[in-house]
PDB file of N, CA and C in Angstrom:
ATOM      1  N   UNK A   1     123.584 117.256 126.329  1.00  0.00           N
ATOM      2  CA  UNK A   1     123.614 116.080 125.886  1.00  0.00           C
ATOM      3  C   UNK A   1     123.849 115.680 124.305  1.00  0.00           C
ATOM      4  N   UNK A   2     123.198 116.611 123.737  1.00  0.00           N
ATOM      5  CA  UNK A   2     123.400 117.371 122.652  1.00  0.00           C
ATOM      6  C   UNK A   2     124.684 117.384 122.075  1.00  0.00           C
ATOM      7  N   UNK A   3     125.426 117.959 122.519  1.00  0.00           N
ATOM      8  CA  UNK A   3     126.954 118.443 122.504  1.00  0.00           C
ATOM      9  C   UNK A   3     127.447 116.874 122.180  1.00  0.00           C
ATOM     10  N   UNK A   4     127.870 116.038 123.049  1.00  0.00           N
ATOM     11  CA  UNK A   4     128.171 114.939 123.421  1.00  0.00           C
ATOM     12  C   UNK A   4     128.257 113.714 121.928  1.00  0.00           C
ATOM     13  N   UNK A   5     126.761 114.118 122.276  1.00  0.00           N
ATOM     14  CA  UNK A   5     126.274 113.078 120.730  1.00  0.00           C
ATOM     15  C   UNK A   5     127.015 113.843 119.482  1.00  0.00           C
ATOM     16  N   UNK A   6     126.916 115.398 119.319  1.00  0.00           N
ATOM     17  CA  UNK A   6     127.784 115.541 118.289  1.00  0.00           C
ATOM     18  C   UNK A   6     129.192 115.077 117.507  1.00  0.00           C
ATOM     19  N   UNK A   7     129.430 115.524 118.946  1.00  0.00           N
ATOM     20  CA  UNK A   7     130.777 114.980 119.426  1.00  0.00           C
ATOM     21  C   UNK A   7     131.195 113.308 118.929  1.00  0.00           C
ATOM     22  N   UNK A   8     130.807 112.767 119.461  1.00  0.00           N
ATOM     23  CA  UNK A   8     131.007 111.461 119.215  1.00  0.00           C
ATOM     24  C   UNK A   8     130.329 111.549 117.640  1.00  0.00           C
ATOM     25  N   UNK A   9     129.383 111.559 117.222  1.00  0.00           N
ATOM     26  CA  UNK A   9     129.647 111.912 115.698  1.00  0.00           C
ATOM     27  C   UNK A   9     130.568 111.958 114.910  1.00  0.00           C
ATOM     28  N   UNK A  10     131.140 113.130 114.985  1.00  0.00           N
ATOM     29  CA  UNK A  10     132.222 113.693 114.247  1.00  0.00           C
ATOM     30  C   UNK A  10     132.888 112.681 114.811  1.00  0.00           C
ATOM     31  N   UNK A  11     133.314 112.618 115.856  1.00  0.00           N
ATOM     32  CA  UNK A  11     134.658 111.245 115.492  1.00  0.00           C
ATOM     33  C   UNK A  11     134.518 110.467 114.762  1.00  0.00           C
ATOM     34  N   UNK A  12     133.280 109.702 115.143  1.00  0.00           N
ATOM     35  CA  UNK A  12     133.212 108.637 114.118  1.00  0.00           C
ATOM     36  C   UNK A  12     133.265 109.104 112.621  1.00  0.00           C
ATOM     37  N   UNK A  13     132.696 110.063 112.519  1.00  0.00           N
ATOM     38  CA  UNK A  13     132.999 110.528 110.715  1.00  0.00           C
ATOM     39  C   UNK A  13     134.383 110.879 110.205  1.00  0.00           C
ATOM     40  N   UNK A  14     135.067 111.425 111.700  1.00  0.00           N
ATOM     41  CA  UNK A  14     136.457 111.508 111.576  1.00  0.00           C
ATOM     42  C   UNK A  14     137.346 110.134 111.310  1.00  0.00           C
ATOM     43  N   UNK A  15     137.122 109.018 111.680  1.00  0.00           N
ATOM     44  CA  UNK A  15     137.327 107.538 112.136  1.00  0.00           C
ATOM     45  C   UNK A  15     136.918 106.828 110.721  1.00  0.00           C
ATOM     46  N   UNK A  16     136.168 107.047 110.344  1.00  0.00           N
ATOM     47  CA  UNK A  16     135.382 106.727 109.059  1.00  0.00           C
ATOM     48  C   UNK A  16     136.422 107.276 107.692  1.00  0.00           C
ATOM     49  N   UNK A  17     136.482 108.109 108.165  1.00  0.00           N
ATOM     50  CA  UNK A  17     137.427 108.581 106.644  1.00  0.00           C
ATOM     51  C   UNK A  17     138.692 108.455 106.496  1.00  0.00           C
ATOM     52  N   UNK A  18     139.782 108.355 107.801  1.00  0.00           N
ATOM     53  CA  UNK A  18     140.682 108.038 107.773  1.00  0.00           C
ATOM     54  C   UNK A  18     141.294 106.810 107.630  1.00  0.00           C
ATOM     55  N   UNK A  19     139.634 105.771 108.006  1.00  0.00           N
ATOM     56  CA  UNK A  19     139.669 104.232 107.464  1.00  0.00           C
ATOM     57  C   UNK A  19     139.587 103.828 106.334  1.00  0.00           C
ATOM     58  N   UNK A  20     138.876 104.959 105.476  1.00  0.00           N
ATOM     59  CA  UNK A  20     138.490 104.967 103.851  1.00  0.00           C
ATOM     60  C   UNK A  20     139.745 105.792 103.284  1.00  0.00           C
ATOM     61  N   UNK A  21     140.230 106.390 103.772  1.00  0.00           N
ATOM     62  CA  UNK A  21     141.686 107.149 102.862  1.00  0.00           C
ATOM     63  C   UNK A  21     143.260 106.878 103.174  1.00  0.00           C
ATOM     64  N   UNK A  22     143.149 105.780 104.253  1.00  0.00           N
ATOM     65  CA  UNK A  22     144.155 105.223 104.752  1.00  0.00           C
ATOM     66  C   UNK A  22     144.939 104.191 105.044  1.00  0.00           C
ATOM     67  N   UNK A  23     143.378 103.416 105.045  1.00  0.00           N
ATOM     68  CA  UNK A  23     143.591 102.008 105.750  1.00  0.00           C
ATOM     69  C   UNK A  23     144.020 101.178 104.067  1.00  0.00           C
ATOM     70  N   UNK A  24     144.752  99.762 104.177  1.00  0.00           N
ATOM     71  CA  UNK A  24     145.032  98.733 102.892  1.00  0.00           C
ATOM     72  C   UNK A  24     143.837  98.922 102.055  1.00  0.00           C
ATOM     73  N   UNK A  25     142.563  98.696 102.315  1.00  0.00           N
ATOM     74  CA  UNK A  25     141.699  98.588 102.196  1.00  0.00           C
ATOM     75  C   UNK A  25     140.853  99.344 101.329  1.00  0.00           C
ATOM     76  N   UNK A  26     141.835 100.797 101.165  1.00  0.00           N
ATOM     77  CA  UNK A  26     140.716 102.380 101.096  1.00  0.00           C
ATOM     78  C   UNK A  26     141.021 102.589  99.497  1.00  0.00           C
ATOM     79  N   UNK A  27     140.815 103.483  99.367  1.00  0.00           N
ATOM     80  CA  UNK A  27     140.928 104.453  98.321  1.00  0.00           C
ATOM     81  C   UNK A  27     141.867 103.825  97.565  1.00  0.00           C
ATOM     82  N   UNK A  28     143.336 104.019  98.172  1.00  0.00           N
ATOM     83  CA  UNK A  28     144.441 103.731  97.965  1.00  0.00           C
ATOM     84  C   UNK A  28     144.791 102.209  96.934  1.00  0.00           C
ATOM     85  N   UNK A  29     144.254 101.371  97.348  1.00  0.00           N
ATOM     86  CA  UNK A  29     143.556  99.755  96.914  1.00  0.00           C
ATOM     87  C   UNK A  29     142.986 100.007  95.910  1.00  0.00           C
ATOM     88  N   UNK A  30     141.509 101.093  96.193  1.00  0.00           N
ATOM     89  CA  UNK A  30     140.961 100.698  94.611  1.00  0.00           C
ATOM     90  C   UNK A  30     141.611 101.224  93.546  1.00  0.00           C
ATOM     91  N   UNK A  31     142.316 102.645  93.863  1.00  0.00           N
ATOM     92  CA  UNK A  31     143.183 103.587  92.674  1.00  0.00           C
ATOM     93  C   UNK A  31     144.132 102.371  92.310  1.00  0.00           C
ATOM     94  N   UNK A  32     145.158 101.566  92.779  1.00  0.00           N
ATOM     95  CA  UNK A  32     145.753 100.567  92.433  1.00  0.00           C
ATOM     96  C   UNK A  32     145.160  99.453  91.568  1.00  0.00           C
ATOM     97  N   UNK A  33     144.192  98.988  92.176  1.00  0.00           N
ATOM     98  CA  UNK A  33     143.099  97.849  91.264  1.00  0.00           C
ATOM     99  C   UNK A  33     142.282  98.482  90.217  1.00  0.00           C
ATOM    100  N   UNK A  34     142.189  99.220  90.344  1.00  0.00           N
ATOM    101  CA  UNK A  34     141.449  99.960  89.064  1.00  0.00           C
ATOM    102  C   UNK A  34     142.865 100.576  87.699  1.00  0.00           C
ATOM    103  N   UNK A  35     144.033 100.259  88.314  1.00  0.00           N
ATOM    104  CA  UNK A  35     145.021 100.954  87.377  1.00  0.00           C
ATOM    105  C   UNK A  35     145.562  99.634  86.677  1.00  0.00           C
ATOM    106  N   UNK A  36     145.486  98.230  87.625  1.00  0.00           N
ATOM    107  CA  UNK A  36     145.918  96.840  87.346  1.00  0.00           C
ATOM    108  C   UNK A  36     144.764  96.699  86.710  1.00  0.00           C
ATOM    109  N   UNK A  37     143.341  96.809  86.371  1.00  0.00           N
ATOM    110  CA  UNK A  37     142.684  96.337  85.672  1.00  0.00           C
ATOM    111  C   UNK A  37     142.850  96.793  84.192  1.00  0.00           C
ATOM    112  N   UNK A  38     142.751  98.265  83.918  1.00  0.00           N
ATOM    113  CA  UNK A  38     143.196  98.886  83.048  1.00  0.00           C
ATOM    114  C   UNK A  38     144.500  97.761  82.330  1.00  0.00           C
ATOM    115  N   UNK A  39     145.407  98.373  83.203  1.00  0.00           N
ATOM    116  CA  UNK A  39     146.499  97.528  82.252  1.00  0.00           C
ATOM    117  C   UNK A  39     146.239  96.455  81.392  1.00  0.00           C
ATOM    118  N   UNK A  40     146.088  95.504  82.538  1.00  0.00           N
ATOM    119  CA  UNK A  40     145.530  93.792  81.776  1.00  0.00           C
ATOM    120  C   UNK A  40     144.519  93.962  80.724  1.00  0.00           C
ATOM    121  N   UNK A  41     143.611  95.199  80.707  1.00  0.00           N
ATOM    122  CA  UNK A  41     142.289  95.176  79.385  1.00  0.00           C
ATOM    123  C   UNK A  41     143.316  95.676  78.186  1.00  0.00           C
ATOM    124  N   UNK A  42     144.536  96.399  78.171  1.00  0.00           N
ATOM    125  CA  UNK A  42     145.332  96.896  77.154  1.00  0.00           C
ATOM    126  C   UNK A  42     146.324  95.881  76.978  1.00  0.00           C
ATOM    127  N   UNK A  43     146.830  95.011  78.238  1.00  0.00           N
ATOM    128  CA  UNK A  43     147.386  93.887  77.638  1.00  0.00           C
ATOM    129  C   UNK A  43     146.479  92.604  76.561  1.00  0.00           C
ATOM    130  N   UNK A  44     145.214  91.791  77.556  1.00  0.00           N
ATOM    131  CA  UNK A  44     144.418  91.604  76.519  1.00  0.00           C
ATOM    132  C   UNK A  44     144.269  91.848  75.007  1.00  0.00           C
ATOM    133  N   UNK A  45     144.446  93.016  75.016  1.00  0.00           N
ATOM    134  CA  UNK A  45     143.266  93.434  73.253  1.00  0.00           C
ATOM    135  C   UNK A  45     144.976  93.297  73.029  1.00  0.00           C
ATOM    136  N   UNK A  46     146.042  93.446  73.526  1.00  0.00           N
ATOM    137  CA  UNK A  46     146.969  93.553  72.392  1.00  0.00           C
ATOM    138  C   UNK A  46     147.381  91.883  72.314  1.00  0.00           C
ATOM    139  N   UNK A  47     147.073  90.814  72.926  1.00  0.00           N
ATOM    140  CA  UNK A  47     147.084  89.661  72.653  1.00  0.00           C
ATOM    141  C   UNK A  47     146.046  89.127  71.809  1.00  0.00           C
ATOM    142  N   UNK A  48     145.014  89.387  71.588  1.00  0.00           N
ATOM    143  CA  UNK A  48     144.050  89.487  71.356  1.00  0.00           C
ATOM    144  C   UNK A  48     144.306  89.670  69.743  1.00  0.00           C
ATOM    145  N   UNK A  49     145.048  90.990  69.450  1.00  0.00           N
ATOM    146  CA  UNK A  49     145.044  91.190  68.349  1.00  0.00           C
ATOM    147  C   UNK A  49     146.237  90.228  67.508  1.00  0.00           C
ATOM    148  N   UNK A  50     146.933  89.853  68.538  1.00  0.00           N
ATOM    149  CA  UNK A  50     147.969  88.992  68.136  1.00  0.00           C
ATOM    150  C   UNK A  50     147.824  87.601  67.798  1.00  0.00           C
ATOM    151  N   UNK A  51     146.595  87.114  68.120  1.00  0.00           N
ATOM    152  CA  UNK A  51     146.140  86.080  68.133  1.00  0.00           C
ATOM    153  C   UNK A  51     145.576  85.556  66.975  1.00  0.00           C
ATOM    154  N   UNK A  52     144.948  86.851  66.672  1.00  0.00           N
ATOM    155  CA  UNK A  52     143.965  86.866  65.364  1.00  0.00           C
ATOM    156  C   UNK A  52     144.455  86.947  63.991  1.00  0.00           C
ATOM    157  N   UNK A  53     145.892  87.655  64.339  1.00  0.00           N
ATOM    158  CA  UNK A  53     146.900  87.758  63.321  1.00  0.00           C
ATOM    159  C   UNK A  53     147.485  86.077  63.356  1.00  0.00           C
ATOM    160  N   UNK A  54     147.362  85.601  63.843  1.00  0.00           N
ATOM    161  CA  UNK A  54     147.967  84.172  64.126  1.00  0.00           C
ATOM    162  C   UNK A  54     147.131  83.278  63.285  1.00  0.00           C
ATOM    163  N   UNK A  55     146.056  83.404  63.547  1.00  0.00           N
ATOM    164  CA  UNK A  55     144.885  82.920  63.207  1.00  0.00           C
ATOM    165  C   UNK A  55     144.664  82.683  61.930  1.00  0.00           C
ATOM    166  N   UNK A  56     145.175  83.749  61.332  1.00  0.00           N
ATOM    167  CA  UNK A  56     144.771  84.191  60.183  1.00  0.00           C
ATOM    168  C   UNK A  56     146.054  83.882  59.587  1.00  0.00           C
ATOM    169  N   UNK A  57     147.493  83.825  59.686  1.00  0.00           N
ATOM    170  CA  UNK A  57     148.403  83.067  59.002  1.00  0.00           C
ATOM    171  C   UNK A  57     147.721  81.468  59.073  1.00  0.00           C
ATOM    172  N   UNK A  58     147.723  80.803  60.373  1.00  0.00           N
ATOM    173  CA  UNK A  58     147.492  79.598  60.418  1.00  0.00           C
ATOM    174  C   UNK A  58     146.204  79.127  58.724  1.00  0.00           C
ATOM    175  N   UNK A  59     145.263  79.952  58.790  1.00  0.00           N
ATOM    176  CA  UNK A  59     144.371  79.472  57.992  1.00  0.00           C
ATOM    177  C   UNK A  59     144.769  79.848  56.621  1.00  0.00           C
ATOM    178  N   UNK A  60     145.705  80.882  55.997  1.00  0.00           N
ATOM    179  CA  UNK A  60     146.602  81.075  55.330  1.00  0.00           C
ATOM    180  C   UNK A  60     147.220  80.050  54.769  1.00  0.00           C
ATOM    181  N   UNK A  61     148.215  79.001  55.616  1.00  0.00           N
ATOM    182  CA  UNK A  61     149.008  78.264  55.618  1.00  0.00           C
ATOM    183  C   UNK A  61     148.041  76.373  54.779  1.00  0.00           C
ATOM    184  N   UNK A  62     146.859  76.544  55.987  1.00  0.00           N
ATOM    185  CA  UNK A  62     146.302  75.528  55.490  1.00  0.00           C
ATOM    186  C   UNK A  62     145.754  75.797  54.077  1.00  0.00           C
ATOM    187  N   UNK A  63     145.408  77.023  53.576  1.00  0.00           N
ATOM    188  CA  UNK A  63     144.221  77.215  52.276  1.00  0.00           C
ATOM    189  C   UNK A  63     145.644  77.351  51.258  1.00  0.00           C
ATOM    190  N   UNK A  64     146.805  78.078  50.862  1.00  0.00           N
ATOM    191  CA  UNK A  64     147.462  78.648  49.739  1.00  0.00           C
ATOM    192  C   UNK A  64     149.041  77.997  50.346  1.00  0.00           C
ATOM    193  N   UNK A  65     149.149  76.867  48.655  1.00  0.00           N
ATOM    194  CA  UNK A  65     150.231  76.918  48.693  1.00  0.00           C
ATOM    195  C   UNK A  65     151.284  77.391  48.599  1.00  0.00           C
ATOM    196  N   UNK A  66     151.137  78.639  48.611  1.00  0.00           N
ATOM    197  CA  UNK A  66     152.173  79.718  48.096  1.00  0.00           C
ATOM    198  C   UNK A  66     152.451  80.049  49.521  1.00  0.00           C
ATOM    199  N   UNK A  67     152.004  80.220  50.404  1.00  0.00           N
ATOM    200  CA  UNK A  67     152.268  80.362  51.648  1.00  0.00           C
ATOM    201  C   UNK A  67     153.361  79.801  52.101  1.00  0.00           C
ATOM    202  N   UNK A  68     152.460  78.456  51.919  1.00  0.00           N
ATOM    203  CA  UNK A  68     153.422  76.999  52.817  1.00  0.00           C
ATOM    204  C   UNK A  68     155.013  77.262  52.099  1.00  0.00           C
ATOM    205  N   UNK A  69     154.923  77.681  50.585  1.00  0.00           N
ATOM    206  CA  UNK A  69     156.460  77.362  49.784  1.00  0.00           C
ATOM    207  C   UNK A  69     157.033  78.607  50.557  1.00  0.00           C
ATOM    208  N   UNK A  70     156.566  79.772  50.898  1.00  0.00           N
ATOM    209  CA  UNK A  70     156.805  81.123  51.391  1.00  0.00           C
ATOM    210  C   UNK A  70     158.009  80.884  52.429  1.00  0.00           C
ATOM    211  N   UNK A  71     156.799  80.118  53.383  1.00  0.00           N
ATOM    212  CA  UNK A  71     156.994  79.914  54.912  1.00  0.00           C
ATOM    213  C   UNK A  71     158.560  79.077  54.496  1.00  0.00           C
ATOM    214  N   UNK A  72     158.578  78.281  54.180  1.00  0.00           N
ATOM    215  CA  UNK A  72     159.618  76.873  53.601  1.00  0.00           C
ATOM    216  C   UNK A  72     160.814  77.493  53.237  1.00  0.00           C
ATOM    217  N   UNK A  73     160.809  78.840  52.506  1.00  0.00           N
ATOM    218  CA  UNK A  73     161.763  79.284  51.669  1.00  0.00           C
ATOM    219  C   UNK A  73     162.690  80.029  52.842  1.00  0.00           C
ATOM    220  N   UNK A  74     161.535  81.117  53.766  1.00  0.00           N
ATOM    221  CA  UNK A  74     162.230  81.934  54.838  1.00  0.00           C
ATOM    222  C   UNK A  74     162.782  81.362  55.763  1.00  0.00           C
ATOM    223  N   UNK A  75     162.034  80.086  56.448  1.00  0.00           N
ATOM    224  CA  UNK A  75     162.331  79.850  57.821  1.00  0.00           C
ATOM    225  C   UNK A  75     163.415  79.122  57.758  1.00  0.00           C
ATOM    226  N   UNK A  76     162.948  78.233  56.473  1.00  0.00           N
ATOM    227  CA  UNK A  76     163.761  76.793  56.397  1.00  0.00           C
ATOM    228  C   UNK A  76     165.152  76.778  55.218  1.00  0.00           C
ATOM    229  N   UNK A  77     164.859  77.937  54.759  1.00  0.00           N
ATOM    230  CA  UNK A  77     165.536  77.948  53.386  1.00  0.00           C
ATOM    231  C   UNK A  77     166.079  77.075  52.068  1.00  0.00           C
ATOM    232  N   UNK A  78     164.798  76.707  52.022  1.00  0.00           N
ATOM    233  CA  UNK A  78     164.265  75.448  50.827  1.00  0.00           C
ATOM    234  C   UNK A  78     164.699  76.427  49.709  1.00  0.00           C
ATOM    235  N   UNK A  79     164.597  75.331  48.753  1.00  0.00           N
ATOM    236  CA  UNK A  79     164.760  75.785  47.420  1.00  0.00           C
ATOM    237  C   UNK A  79     164.174  75.102  46.563  1.00  0.00           C
ATOM    238  N   UNK A  80     163.788  75.163  45.651  1.00  0.00           N
ATOM    239  CA  UNK A  80     163.254  74.568  44.329  1.00  0.00           C
ATOM    240  C   UNK A  80     164.185  73.752  43.681  1.00  0.00           C
ATOM    241  N   UNK A  81     163.950  72.016  43.140  1.00  0.00           N
ATOM    242  CA  UNK A  81     164.860  71.791  42.206  1.00  0.00           C
ATOM    243  C   UNK A  81     165.001  72.689  40.963  1.00  0.00           C
ATOM    244  N   UNK A  82     166.728  72.339  40.538  1.00  0.00           N
ATOM    245  CA  UNK A  82     166.733  73.078  40.004  1.00  0.00           C
ATOM    246  C   UNK A  82     167.231  74.789  40.089  1.00  0.00           C
ATOM    247  N   UNK A  83     166.723  75.208  41.219  1.00  0.00           N
ATOM    248  CA  UNK A  83     167.383  76.686  41.509  1.00  0.00           C
ATOM    249  C   UNK A  83     168.411  76.535  42.167  1.00  0.00           C
ATOM    250  N   UNK A  84     168.948  77.988  41.510  1.00  0.00           N
ATOM    251  CA  UNK A  84     170.371  78.051  42.786  1.00  0.00           C
ATOM    252  C   UNK A  84     170.346  78.602  43.507  1.00  0.00           C
ATOM    253  N   UNK A  85     170.817  78.503  45.164  1.00  0.00           N
ATOM    254  CA  UNK A  85     170.718  79.448  46.341  1.00  0.00           C
ATOM    255  C   UNK A  85     172.224  80.047  46.444  1.00  0.00           C
ATOM    256  N   UNK A  86     171.900  81.174  46.008  1.00  0.00           N
ATOM    257  CA  UNK A  86     173.023  82.345  46.517  1.00  0.00           C
ATOM    258  C   UNK A  86     172.813  83.360  47.747  1.00  0.00           C
ATOM    259  N   UNK A  87     173.962  82.772  48.077  1.00  0.00           N
ATOM    260  CA  UNK A  87     173.745  83.613  50.218  1.00  0.00           C
ATOM    261  C   UNK A  87     174.719  84.755  49.883  1.00  0.00           C
ATOM    262  N   UNK A  88     174.849  85.813  50.419  1.00  0.00           N
ATOM    263  CA  UNK A  88     175.367  86.984  50.424  1.00  0.00           C
ATOM    264  C   UNK A  88     175.533  86.979  51.886  1.00  0.00           C
ATOM    265  N   UNK A  89     177.065  87.498  52.230  1.00  0.00           N
ATOM    266  CA  UNK A  89     177.234  87.995  53.340  1.00  0.00           C
ATOM    267  C   UNK A  89     177.978  88.787  53.786  1.00  0.00           C
ATOM    268  N   UNK A  90     177.397  90.132  54.648  1.00  0.00           N
ATOM    269  CA  UNK A  90     178.179  91.276  54.471  1.00  0.00           C
ATOM    270  C   UNK A  90     179.174  91.314  56.164  1.00  0.00           C
ATOM    271  N   UNK A  91     180.254  91.696  55.574  1.00  0.00           N
ATOM    272  CA  UNK A  91     181.569  91.799  56.506  1.00  0.00           C
ATOM    273  C   UNK A  91     180.551  92.494  57.926  1.00  0.00           C
ATOM    274  N   UNK A  92     180.884  91.442  59.534  1.00  0.00           N
ATOM    275  CA  UNK A  92     180.523  92.196  60.635  1.00  0.00           C
ATOM    276  C   UNK A  92     181.360  93.866  60.543  1.00  0.00           C
ATOM    277  N   UNK A  93     180.700  94.911  61.719  1.00  0.00           N
ATOM    278  CA  UNK A  93     181.562  95.976  62.190  1.00  0.00           C
ATOM    279  C   UNK A  93     183.148  95.390  62.770  1.00  0.00           C
ATOM    280  N   UNK A  94     184.235  96.040  62.025  1.00  0.00           N
ATOM    281  CA  UNK A  94     185.263  96.204  62.719  1.00  0.00           C
ATOM    282  C   UNK A  94     185.661  95.112  61.787  1.00  0.00           C
ATOM    283  N   UNK A  95     185.456  93.993  60.909  1.00  0.00           N
ATOM    284  CA  UNK A  95     185.999  93.025  60.124  1.00  0.00           C
ATOM    285  C   UNK A  95     186.360  93.255  58.830  1.00  0.00           C
ATOM    286  N   UNK A  96     187.506  93.480  58.362  1.00  0.00           N
ATOM    287  CA  UNK A  96     188.254  94.204  57.476  1.00  0.00           C
ATOM    288  C   UNK A  96     186.949  93.262  55.638  1.00  0.00           C
ATOM    289  N   UNK A  97     187.186  94.114  54.908  1.00  0.00           N
ATOM    290  CA  UNK A  97     186.148  93.878  53.390  1.00  0.00           C
ATOM    291  C   UNK A  97     188.242  93.091  53.042  1.00  0.00           C
ATOM    292  N   UNK A  98     187.257  91.572  52.650  1.00  0.00           N
ATOM    293  CA  UNK A  98     188.108  91.016  52.150  1.00  0.00           C
ATOM    294  C   UNK A  98     187.340  90.736  50.518  1.00  0.00           C
ATOM    295  N   UNK A  99     186.797  91.245  50.253  1.00  0.00           N
ATOM    296  CA  UNK A  99     186.534  91.516  49.047  1.00  0.00           C
ATOM    297  C   UNK A  99     187.115  92.290  47.724  1.00  0.00           C
ATOM    298  N   UNK A 100     187.765  93.015  48.225  1.00  0.00           N
ATOM    299  CA  UNK A 100     188.298  94.278  47.564  1.00  0.00           C
ATOM    300  C   UNK A 100     189.838  94.292  47.724  1.00  0.00           C
ATOM    301  N   UNK A 101     190.920  93.448  47.593  1.00  0.00           N
ATOM    302  CA  UNK A 101     191.598  92.806  47.185  1.00  0.00           C
ATOM    303  C   UNK A 101     192.929  93.181  48.159  1.00  0.00           C
ATOM    304  N   UNK A 102     192.697  94.166  49.515  1.00  0.00           N
ATOM    305  CA  UNK A 102     193.528  94.723  50.511  1.00  0.00           C
ATOM    306  C   UNK A 102     193.551  93.152  51.721  1.00  0.00           C
TER     307      UNK A 102
END
C-alpha cells in the first residue's frame, strides 16, 4: 500500500511539474509577460521624457516672446519687417552645378 501511495504521489508531482513548465499558462507565459512588462516600462519612460520635453517647450512658448519668434522663423519661414530673406539652395546629388559657368 505504501509503494502505491508513493508511486501515485510521484506521478502527481511529475504531472504538476509538466503542467508548470509546458502548459500555455506555465513558466513560459510568465517569462513572456515579464519581458513584455519590462519593454512597456522602457517605452513608458521614453514617452514620459518626451512629454516632459514637450511640456517645457509649451511653457517656454507661453512665457518667452523670443521662443515664439524663433519658432515662427524656423517652422513657418517668417521674417521681420525690413529684413531680407535669403534662401541657399544646394544642388541635389547627380544634378549639375549651374553656378560655375558650365
